[in-house]
Amino acid sequence: VITYNIALGKQEDIVNISNQEGALNRILENNNYNTETVAQKSLDTISCKEKPNLLKIDVEGYEMKIINGGKETLSYPELKGIIIELNGNSRRYGITEEQIHNKIIRYGFFPVSYDPFNRYLTQLNNFNTQSHNTIYIRDYKMADKIIKNSQKYQVGGYSY
C-alpha cells in the first residue's frame, strides 16, 4: 500500500476539501471556513512509478474525476481490479453511477460480487446496488483461482 497526502482528480490543481465531516470529507467547489486547500494530482501522475494491481476508490462522489485522470493507469494490464464506492454522491458533481460504470467497463473490467464466507465470485450485469461497493475485475478465471488458492484466515471464531 502506498499513501499520498494529496487529492486526486482529473489534472494537477489546487482544490478545497471539507475538513469537518470525517470520513465524508469531499472536494468542494467553493472555499469557505470549513475547508482546507490541498494539492490535487491525477491518478496517472502518481501511478506512473508503481503500476498498481488493485485500486480502491472511495471519494464521496468525485469518482469520475479520478477515472478521467487515470486513462493510462486504467489501461495497464497489471491493474487486475478496482473496488469503487457508488452511493449516489456523484450527483453532486453532475455524474451518475451508470456513467461511472460504463466508463470502467470500457477499460475491460466487469462487475462481480464476492461472498467471502464461501470464497465465491458472481458476475453482475451492473454495479452492485446491494452494497455501495462494486468490485470490477478483468479476468474472472484468474481472480477465482487466486481466491480459491489463497490462505484461509480467521476472524473471531470463524475461518474464511
N, C-alpha and C. Protein backbone atom coordinates (compact mmCIF):
# COMPACT_ATOMS: atom_id res chain seq x y z
N VAL A 1 0.85 -1.17 0.00
CA VAL A 1 0.00 0.00 0.00
C VAL A 1 0.89 1.23 0.00
N ILE A 2 0.55 2.15 -0.87
CA ILE A 2 1.28 3.41 -0.93
C ILE A 2 0.26 4.51 -0.64
N THR A 3 0.59 5.41 0.27
CA THR A 3 -0.31 6.52 0.58
C THR A 3 0.32 7.84 0.17
N TYR A 4 -0.54 8.77 -0.20
CA TYR A 4 -0.11 10.11 -0.59
C TYR A 4 -1.01 11.11 0.13
N ASN A 5 -0.46 12.21 0.56
CA ASN A 5 -1.22 13.25 1.23
C ASN A 5 -1.63 14.30 0.20
N ILE A 6 -2.49 13.89 -0.73
CA ILE A 6 -2.95 14.76 -1.81
C ILE A 6 -4.41 14.41 -2.13
N ALA A 7 -5.01 15.25 -2.94
CA ALA A 7 -6.31 14.94 -3.53
C ALA A 7 -6.05 14.36 -4.92
N LEU A 8 -6.94 13.51 -5.40
CA LEU A 8 -6.86 13.01 -6.77
C LEU A 8 -7.99 13.61 -7.59
N GLY A 9 -7.70 13.90 -8.84
CA GLY A 9 -8.71 14.44 -9.75
C GLY A 9 -8.27 14.26 -11.18
N LYS A 10 -8.87 15.02 -12.07
CA LYS A 10 -8.57 14.88 -13.49
C LYS A 10 -7.18 15.41 -13.83
N GLN A 11 -6.76 16.52 -13.21
CA GLN A 11 -5.46 17.11 -13.52
C GLN A 11 -4.87 17.73 -12.28
N GLU A 12 -3.62 18.17 -12.42
CA GLU A 12 -2.95 18.85 -11.33
C GLU A 12 -3.65 20.18 -11.08
N ASP A 13 -3.90 20.45 -9.80
CA ASP A 13 -4.67 21.63 -9.45
C ASP A 13 -4.53 21.88 -7.95
N ILE A 14 -5.10 22.94 -7.49
CA ILE A 14 -5.25 23.22 -6.06
C ILE A 14 -6.76 23.20 -5.83
N VAL A 15 -7.23 22.40 -4.86
CA VAL A 15 -8.66 22.26 -4.60
C VAL A 15 -8.97 22.48 -3.13
N ASN A 16 -10.23 22.69 -2.85
CA ASN A 16 -10.70 22.85 -1.48
C ASN A 16 -11.41 21.56 -1.05
N ILE A 17 -11.05 21.08 0.13
CA ILE A 17 -11.67 19.88 0.66
C ILE A 17 -12.28 20.23 2.01
N SER A 18 -13.48 19.71 2.25
CA SER A 18 -14.11 19.95 3.55
C SER A 18 -13.26 19.31 4.64
N ASN A 19 -13.32 19.84 5.85
CA ASN A 19 -12.49 19.30 6.91
C ASN A 19 -13.24 19.08 8.22
N GLN A 20 -14.57 19.07 8.16
CA GLN A 20 -15.37 18.91 9.37
C GLN A 20 -16.26 17.67 9.33
N GLU A 21 -16.12 16.82 8.29
CA GLU A 21 -17.05 15.72 8.11
C GLU A 21 -16.41 14.34 8.24
N GLY A 22 -15.22 14.27 8.78
CA GLY A 22 -14.57 12.98 8.99
C GLY A 22 -14.40 12.21 7.69
N ALA A 23 -14.86 10.96 7.69
CA ALA A 23 -14.73 10.11 6.51
C ALA A 23 -15.56 10.60 5.33
N LEU A 24 -16.45 11.54 5.55
CA LEU A 24 -17.30 12.07 4.48
C LEU A 24 -16.78 13.37 3.90
N ASN A 25 -15.56 13.79 4.27
CA ASN A 25 -14.97 14.98 3.67
C ASN A 25 -14.88 14.78 2.17
N ARG A 26 -15.02 15.88 1.42
CA ARG A 26 -15.02 15.79 -0.04
C ARG A 26 -14.55 17.10 -0.66
N ILE A 27 -14.24 17.04 -1.94
CA ILE A 27 -13.84 18.22 -2.70
C ILE A 27 -15.06 19.13 -2.84
N LEU A 28 -14.84 20.42 -2.57
CA LEU A 28 -15.92 21.41 -2.67
C LEU A 28 -15.56 22.44 -3.73
N GLU A 29 -16.57 22.96 -4.38
CA GLU A 29 -16.36 23.95 -5.44
C GLU A 29 -15.96 25.31 -4.88
N ASN A 30 -16.41 25.61 -3.66
CA ASN A 30 -16.12 26.93 -3.10
C ASN A 30 -15.20 26.79 -1.89
N ASN A 31 -14.64 27.88 -1.49
CA ASN A 31 -13.76 27.92 -0.32
C ASN A 31 -14.51 28.63 0.80
N ASN A 32 -14.87 27.88 1.84
CA ASN A 32 -15.50 28.52 2.99
C ASN A 32 -14.71 28.16 4.24
N TYR A 33 -15.20 28.54 5.38
CA TYR A 33 -14.43 28.35 6.61
C TYR A 33 -14.27 26.89 7.02
N ASN A 34 -15.02 25.98 6.42
CA ASN A 34 -14.90 24.55 6.76
C ASN A 34 -14.10 23.78 5.71
N THR A 35 -13.18 24.44 5.03
CA THR A 35 -12.37 23.77 4.02
C THR A 35 -10.90 24.03 4.25
N GLU A 36 -10.10 23.20 3.62
CA GLU A 36 -8.67 23.47 3.55
C GLU A 36 -8.23 23.27 2.11
N THR A 37 -7.19 23.96 1.74
CA THR A 37 -6.67 23.90 0.38
C THR A 37 -5.63 22.79 0.31
N VAL A 38 -5.75 21.93 -0.71
CA VAL A 38 -4.80 20.83 -0.89
C VAL A 38 -4.38 20.73 -2.35
N ALA A 39 -3.22 20.14 -2.57
CA ALA A 39 -2.74 19.89 -3.93
C ALA A 39 -3.49 18.69 -4.49
N GLN A 40 -3.86 18.78 -5.76
CA GLN A 40 -4.51 17.67 -6.45
C GLN A 40 -3.62 17.22 -7.60
N LYS A 41 -3.49 15.93 -7.75
CA LYS A 41 -2.76 15.33 -8.86
C LYS A 41 -3.67 14.34 -9.57
N SER A 42 -3.27 13.91 -10.74
CA SER A 42 -4.05 12.89 -11.45
C SER A 42 -3.56 11.50 -11.05
N LEU A 43 -4.41 10.52 -11.20
CA LEU A 43 -4.04 9.13 -10.93
C LEU A 43 -2.86 8.72 -11.80
N ASP A 44 -2.86 9.12 -13.06
CA ASP A 44 -1.75 8.78 -13.95
C ASP A 44 -0.43 9.36 -13.46
N THR A 45 -0.45 10.54 -12.88
CA THR A 45 0.77 11.17 -12.37
C THR A 45 1.40 10.35 -11.25
N ILE A 46 0.57 9.86 -10.34
CA ILE A 46 1.15 9.14 -9.19
C ILE A 46 1.37 7.66 -9.45
N SER A 47 0.67 7.08 -10.42
CA SER A 47 0.83 5.64 -10.63
C SER A 47 1.85 5.30 -11.70
N CYS A 48 2.48 6.30 -12.31
CA CYS A 48 3.45 6.01 -13.37
C CYS A 48 4.71 5.33 -12.82
N LYS A 49 5.04 5.56 -11.54
CA LYS A 49 6.21 4.92 -10.95
C LYS A 49 5.92 3.47 -10.55
N GLU A 50 4.78 3.27 -9.95
CA GLU A 50 4.37 1.94 -9.48
C GLU A 50 3.06 1.59 -10.17
N LYS A 51 3.06 0.57 -10.97
CA LYS A 51 1.83 0.16 -11.64
C LYS A 51 1.00 -0.67 -10.65
N PRO A 52 -0.17 -0.16 -10.26
CA PRO A 52 -0.96 -0.86 -9.25
C PRO A 52 -1.64 -2.11 -9.79
N ASN A 53 -1.86 -3.09 -8.90
CA ASN A 53 -2.64 -4.28 -9.22
C ASN A 53 -4.10 -4.09 -8.88
N LEU A 54 -4.36 -3.26 -7.88
CA LEU A 54 -5.71 -3.05 -7.38
C LEU A 54 -5.87 -1.59 -6.95
N LEU A 55 -7.02 -1.01 -7.27
CA LEU A 55 -7.36 0.33 -6.82
C LEU A 55 -8.60 0.28 -5.95
N LYS A 56 -8.63 1.05 -4.89
CA LYS A 56 -9.84 1.26 -4.09
C LYS A 56 -10.16 2.74 -4.20
N ILE A 57 -11.35 3.03 -4.72
CA ILE A 57 -11.76 4.41 -4.91
C ILE A 57 -13.00 4.66 -4.05
N ASP A 58 -12.85 5.52 -3.07
CA ASP A 58 -13.94 5.87 -2.15
C ASP A 58 -13.79 7.36 -1.89
N VAL A 59 -14.41 8.18 -2.73
CA VAL A 59 -14.12 9.61 -2.73
C VAL A 59 -15.37 10.49 -2.68
N GLU A 60 -16.44 9.96 -2.13
CA GLU A 60 -17.65 10.74 -1.87
C GLU A 60 -18.16 11.51 -3.08
N GLY A 61 -18.20 10.84 -4.23
CA GLY A 61 -18.79 11.41 -5.43
C GLY A 61 -17.82 11.90 -6.48
N TYR A 62 -16.56 11.97 -6.18
CA TYR A 62 -15.54 12.52 -7.09
C TYR A 62 -14.94 11.45 -8.00
N GLU A 63 -15.58 10.29 -8.08
CA GLU A 63 -15.02 9.14 -8.80
C GLU A 63 -14.69 9.42 -10.27
N MET A 64 -15.59 10.07 -10.99
CA MET A 64 -15.37 10.29 -12.42
C MET A 64 -14.15 11.18 -12.66
N LYS A 65 -13.92 12.14 -11.79
CA LYS A 65 -12.73 13.00 -11.94
C LYS A 65 -11.46 12.15 -11.84
N ILE A 66 -11.45 11.20 -10.92
CA ILE A 66 -10.28 10.33 -10.77
C ILE A 66 -10.13 9.42 -11.97
N ILE A 67 -11.23 8.85 -12.43
CA ILE A 67 -11.20 7.97 -13.60
C ILE A 67 -10.70 8.76 -14.82
N ASN A 68 -11.19 9.98 -15.00
CA ASN A 68 -10.76 10.79 -16.13
C ASN A 68 -9.29 11.17 -16.05
N GLY A 69 -8.73 11.19 -14.86
CA GLY A 69 -7.30 11.47 -14.69
C GLY A 69 -6.46 10.21 -14.65
N GLY A 70 -7.07 9.06 -14.96
CA GLY A 70 -6.35 7.79 -14.87
C GLY A 70 -6.42 6.95 -16.12
N LYS A 71 -6.47 7.57 -17.29
CA LYS A 71 -6.61 6.82 -18.54
C LYS A 71 -5.49 5.80 -18.74
N GLU A 72 -4.25 6.20 -18.48
CA GLU A 72 -3.13 5.27 -18.64
C GLU A 72 -3.18 4.18 -17.56
N THR A 73 -3.42 4.59 -16.34
CA THR A 73 -3.46 3.64 -15.22
C THR A 73 -4.53 2.58 -15.45
N LEU A 74 -5.71 3.00 -15.86
CA LEU A 74 -6.81 2.06 -16.08
C LEU A 74 -6.56 1.15 -17.28
N SER A 75 -5.63 1.53 -18.14
CA SER A 75 -5.28 0.70 -19.30
C SER A 75 -4.15 -0.27 -19.00
N TYR A 76 -3.44 -0.11 -17.88
CA TYR A 76 -2.34 -1.01 -17.53
C TYR A 76 -2.85 -2.44 -17.43
N PRO A 77 -2.21 -3.40 -18.10
CA PRO A 77 -2.61 -4.80 -17.93
C PRO A 77 -2.34 -5.29 -16.51
N GLU A 78 -1.40 -4.63 -15.81
CA GLU A 78 -1.10 -5.03 -14.42
C GLU A 78 -2.26 -4.75 -13.47
N LEU A 79 -3.13 -3.81 -13.83
CA LEU A 79 -4.27 -3.47 -13.00
C LEU A 79 -5.33 -4.56 -13.16
N LYS A 80 -5.51 -5.36 -12.14
CA LYS A 80 -6.42 -6.51 -12.19
C LYS A 80 -7.80 -6.20 -11.66
N GLY A 81 -7.91 -5.20 -10.77
CA GLY A 81 -9.21 -4.94 -10.18
C GLY A 81 -9.35 -3.53 -9.63
N ILE A 82 -10.61 -3.14 -9.50
CA ILE A 82 -10.98 -1.85 -8.93
C ILE A 82 -12.13 -2.11 -7.97
N ILE A 83 -12.02 -1.57 -6.78
CA ILE A 83 -13.14 -1.57 -5.84
C ILE A 83 -13.56 -0.12 -5.71
N ILE A 84 -14.83 0.16 -6.02
CA ILE A 84 -15.27 1.55 -6.05
C ILE A 84 -16.60 1.68 -5.33
N GLU A 85 -16.72 2.73 -4.55
CA GLU A 85 -17.98 3.01 -3.85
C GLU A 85 -18.84 3.89 -4.74
N LEU A 86 -20.03 3.38 -5.08
CA LEU A 86 -21.00 4.13 -5.87
C LEU A 86 -22.28 4.23 -5.03
N ASN A 87 -22.48 5.38 -4.41
CA ASN A 87 -23.60 5.51 -3.48
C ASN A 87 -24.48 6.73 -3.74
N GLY A 88 -24.41 7.28 -4.94
CA GLY A 88 -25.24 8.42 -5.29
C GLY A 88 -24.59 9.77 -5.09
N ASN A 89 -23.45 9.82 -4.41
CA ASN A 89 -22.79 11.11 -4.16
C ASN A 89 -22.26 11.76 -5.43
N SER A 90 -22.06 10.99 -6.49
CA SER A 90 -21.53 11.56 -7.73
C SER A 90 -22.48 12.59 -8.33
N ARG A 91 -23.76 12.54 -7.96
CA ARG A 91 -24.73 13.52 -8.47
C ARG A 91 -24.34 14.95 -8.05
N ARG A 92 -23.61 15.08 -6.94
CA ARG A 92 -23.14 16.41 -6.51
C ARG A 92 -22.27 17.05 -7.59
N TYR A 93 -21.65 16.22 -8.41
CA TYR A 93 -20.73 16.70 -9.45
C TYR A 93 -21.33 16.51 -10.85
N GLY A 94 -22.65 16.24 -10.92
CA GLY A 94 -23.33 16.11 -12.20
C GLY A 94 -23.10 14.80 -12.92
N ILE A 95 -22.77 13.74 -12.19
CA ILE A 95 -22.45 12.44 -12.79
C ILE A 95 -23.35 11.37 -12.17
N THR A 96 -23.70 10.36 -12.95
CA THR A 96 -24.49 9.24 -12.42
C THR A 96 -23.61 8.01 -12.24
N GLU A 97 -24.09 7.08 -11.42
CA GLU A 97 -23.37 5.81 -11.24
C GLU A 97 -23.28 5.05 -12.57
N GLU A 98 -24.31 5.15 -13.40
CA GLU A 98 -24.31 4.47 -14.70
C GLU A 98 -23.18 4.99 -15.58
N GLN A 99 -22.94 6.29 -15.54
CA GLN A 99 -21.84 6.86 -16.34
C GLN A 99 -20.49 6.34 -15.85
N ILE A 100 -20.33 6.26 -14.55
CA ILE A 100 -19.08 5.75 -13.98
C ILE A 100 -18.91 4.28 -14.35
N HIS A 101 -19.96 3.49 -14.17
CA HIS A 101 -19.94 2.06 -14.51
C HIS A 101 -19.56 1.88 -15.99
N ASN A 102 -20.22 2.61 -16.87
CA ASN A 102 -19.95 2.46 -18.31
C ASN A 102 -18.51 2.83 -18.66
N LYS A 103 -17.97 3.83 -17.99
CA LYS A 103 -16.58 4.23 -18.25
C LYS A 103 -15.61 3.13 -17.82
N ILE A 104 -15.87 2.53 -16.66
CA ILE A 104 -14.98 1.47 -16.16
C ILE A 104 -15.02 0.25 -17.07
N ILE A 105 -16.20 -0.15 -17.52
CA ILE A 105 -16.26 -1.36 -18.36
C ILE A 105 -15.61 -1.14 -19.73
N ARG A 106 -15.52 0.11 -20.17
CA ARG A 106 -14.82 0.40 -21.42
C ARG A 106 -13.33 0.09 -21.33
N TYR A 107 -12.80 -0.01 -20.11
CA TYR A 107 -11.40 -0.38 -19.91
C TYR A 107 -11.22 -1.89 -19.78
N GLY A 108 -12.27 -2.66 -20.01
CA GLY A 108 -12.16 -4.12 -19.99
C GLY A 108 -12.47 -4.77 -18.66
N PHE A 109 -13.04 -4.03 -17.74
CA PHE A 109 -13.42 -4.58 -16.44
C PHE A 109 -14.90 -4.98 -16.47
N PHE A 110 -15.27 -5.89 -15.59
CA PHE A 110 -16.68 -6.22 -15.41
C PHE A 110 -16.96 -6.40 -13.93
N PRO A 111 -18.20 -6.10 -13.52
CA PRO A 111 -18.52 -6.12 -12.09
C PRO A 111 -18.79 -7.53 -11.58
N VAL A 112 -18.38 -7.75 -10.33
CA VAL A 112 -18.64 -9.02 -9.65
C VAL A 112 -19.04 -8.72 -8.21
N SER A 113 -19.70 -9.69 -7.60
CA SER A 113 -19.88 -9.64 -6.15
C SER A 113 -19.04 -10.77 -5.58
N TYR A 114 -18.64 -10.62 -4.35
CA TYR A 114 -17.78 -11.60 -3.70
C TYR A 114 -18.40 -12.02 -2.40
N ASP A 115 -18.53 -13.33 -2.23
CA ASP A 115 -19.01 -13.92 -0.98
C ASP A 115 -17.78 -14.41 -0.23
N PRO A 116 -17.32 -13.66 0.79
CA PRO A 116 -16.09 -14.04 1.48
C PRO A 116 -16.25 -15.29 2.34
N PHE A 117 -17.46 -15.59 2.76
CA PHE A 117 -17.69 -16.77 3.60
C PHE A 117 -17.50 -18.06 2.82
N ASN A 118 -17.91 -18.03 1.55
CA ASN A 118 -17.79 -19.22 0.70
C ASN A 118 -16.70 -19.07 -0.36
N ARG A 119 -16.03 -17.91 -0.37
CA ARG A 119 -14.98 -17.63 -1.35
C ARG A 119 -15.49 -17.84 -2.78
N TYR A 120 -16.50 -17.09 -3.12
CA TYR A 120 -17.17 -17.30 -4.39
C TYR A 120 -17.45 -15.95 -5.07
N LEU A 121 -17.09 -15.85 -6.35
CA LEU A 121 -17.37 -14.68 -7.18
C LEU A 121 -18.62 -14.93 -8.01
N THR A 122 -19.43 -13.89 -8.18
CA THR A 122 -20.58 -13.95 -9.07
C THR A 122 -20.52 -12.75 -9.99
N GLN A 123 -20.58 -13.00 -11.29
CA GLN A 123 -20.57 -11.90 -12.24
C GLN A 123 -21.90 -11.16 -12.17
N LEU A 124 -21.84 -9.83 -12.21
CA LEU A 124 -23.03 -8.98 -12.17
C LEU A 124 -23.27 -8.35 -13.54
N ASN A 125 -24.50 -7.96 -13.78
CA ASN A 125 -24.83 -7.26 -15.02
C ASN A 125 -24.61 -5.76 -14.92
N ASN A 126 -24.54 -5.26 -13.69
CA ASN A 126 -24.39 -3.83 -13.47
C ASN A 126 -23.63 -3.62 -12.17
N PHE A 127 -23.44 -2.38 -11.76
CA PHE A 127 -22.77 -2.13 -10.49
C PHE A 127 -23.63 -2.67 -9.36
N ASN A 128 -23.01 -2.90 -8.23
CA ASN A 128 -23.65 -3.56 -7.10
C ASN A 128 -24.59 -2.58 -6.38
N THR A 129 -25.89 -2.84 -6.47
CA THR A 129 -26.86 -1.97 -5.81
C THR A 129 -27.18 -2.45 -4.39
N GLN A 130 -26.77 -3.67 -4.05
CA GLN A 130 -26.99 -4.20 -2.70
C GLN A 130 -26.02 -3.59 -1.70
N SER A 131 -24.79 -3.45 -2.14
CA SER A 131 -23.74 -2.84 -1.32
C SER A 131 -23.24 -1.66 -2.14
N HIS A 132 -22.81 -0.61 -1.52
CA HIS A 132 -22.35 0.53 -2.30
C HIS A 132 -21.00 0.27 -2.96
N ASN A 133 -20.29 -0.76 -2.53
CA ASN A 133 -19.00 -1.08 -3.14
C ASN A 133 -19.18 -2.09 -4.25
N THR A 134 -18.61 -1.78 -5.40
CA THR A 134 -18.62 -2.72 -6.52
C THR A 134 -17.18 -3.10 -6.81
N ILE A 135 -16.97 -4.39 -7.02
CA ILE A 135 -15.67 -4.91 -7.41
C ILE A 135 -15.70 -5.10 -8.93
N TYR A 136 -14.72 -4.54 -9.61
CA TYR A 136 -14.57 -4.73 -11.05
C TYR A 136 -13.27 -5.50 -11.27
N ILE A 137 -13.33 -6.53 -12.09
CA ILE A 137 -12.13 -7.30 -12.41
C ILE A 137 -12.02 -7.46 -13.92
N ARG A 138 -10.83 -7.83 -14.37
CA ARG A 138 -10.61 -8.05 -15.80
C ARG A 138 -10.68 -9.52 -16.18
N ASP A 139 -10.23 -10.39 -15.28
CA ASP A 139 -10.07 -11.81 -15.62
C ASP A 139 -10.72 -12.67 -14.53
N TYR A 140 -11.91 -13.18 -14.82
CA TYR A 140 -12.66 -13.96 -13.84
C TYR A 140 -11.90 -15.21 -13.41
N LYS A 141 -11.35 -15.95 -14.36
CA LYS A 141 -10.64 -17.20 -14.02
C LYS A 141 -9.44 -16.94 -13.13
N MET A 142 -8.68 -15.90 -13.43
CA MET A 142 -7.52 -15.57 -12.62
C MET A 142 -7.95 -15.18 -11.20
N ALA A 143 -8.97 -14.34 -11.08
CA ALA A 143 -9.44 -13.91 -9.76
C ALA A 143 -9.99 -15.09 -8.97
N ASP A 144 -10.75 -15.94 -9.63
CA ASP A 144 -11.31 -17.12 -8.96
C ASP A 144 -10.21 -18.05 -8.47
N LYS A 145 -9.18 -18.24 -9.27
CA LYS A 145 -8.06 -19.09 -8.88
C LYS A 145 -7.32 -18.52 -7.66
N ILE A 146 -7.09 -17.21 -7.67
CA ILE A 146 -6.42 -16.56 -6.53
C ILE A 146 -7.24 -16.75 -5.26
N ILE A 147 -8.53 -16.54 -5.37
CA ILE A 147 -9.42 -16.69 -4.20
C ILE A 147 -9.40 -18.12 -3.67
N LYS A 148 -9.53 -19.07 -4.56
CA LYS A 148 -9.59 -20.47 -4.14
C LYS A 148 -8.26 -20.98 -3.57
N ASN A 149 -7.14 -20.42 -4.04
CA ASN A 149 -5.82 -20.87 -3.59
C ASN A 149 -5.22 -20.04 -2.46
N SER A 150 -5.91 -18.98 -2.07
CA SER A 150 -5.34 -18.12 -1.03
C SER A 150 -5.48 -18.76 0.35
N GLN A 151 -4.60 -18.35 1.21
CA GLN A 151 -4.58 -18.87 2.57
C GLN A 151 -5.86 -18.47 3.30
N LYS A 152 -6.41 -19.40 4.06
CA LYS A 152 -7.59 -19.08 4.86
C LYS A 152 -7.16 -18.23 6.05
N TYR A 153 -8.07 -17.43 6.55
CA TYR A 153 -7.79 -16.59 7.70
C TYR A 153 -8.92 -16.72 8.70
N GLN A 154 -8.63 -16.30 9.93
CA GLN A 154 -9.60 -16.41 10.99
C GLN A 154 -9.97 -15.03 11.51
N VAL A 155 -11.26 -14.81 11.68
CA VAL A 155 -11.76 -13.59 12.29
C VAL A 155 -12.71 -14.03 13.37
N GLY A 156 -12.39 -13.66 14.62
CA GLY A 156 -13.20 -14.15 15.73
C GLY A 156 -13.14 -15.67 15.75
N GLY A 157 -14.27 -16.31 15.83
CA GLY A 157 -14.31 -17.77 15.84
C GLY A 157 -14.56 -18.36 14.48
N TYR A 158 -14.51 -17.55 13.42
CA TYR A 158 -14.83 -18.02 12.10
C TYR A 158 -13.59 -18.15 11.22
N SER A 159 -13.57 -19.16 10.38
CA SER A 159 -12.47 -19.37 9.45
C SER A 159 -12.98 -19.13 8.04
N TYR A 160 -12.24 -18.33 7.26
CA TYR A 160 -12.64 -17.98 5.89
C TYR A 160 -11.57 -18.37 4.92
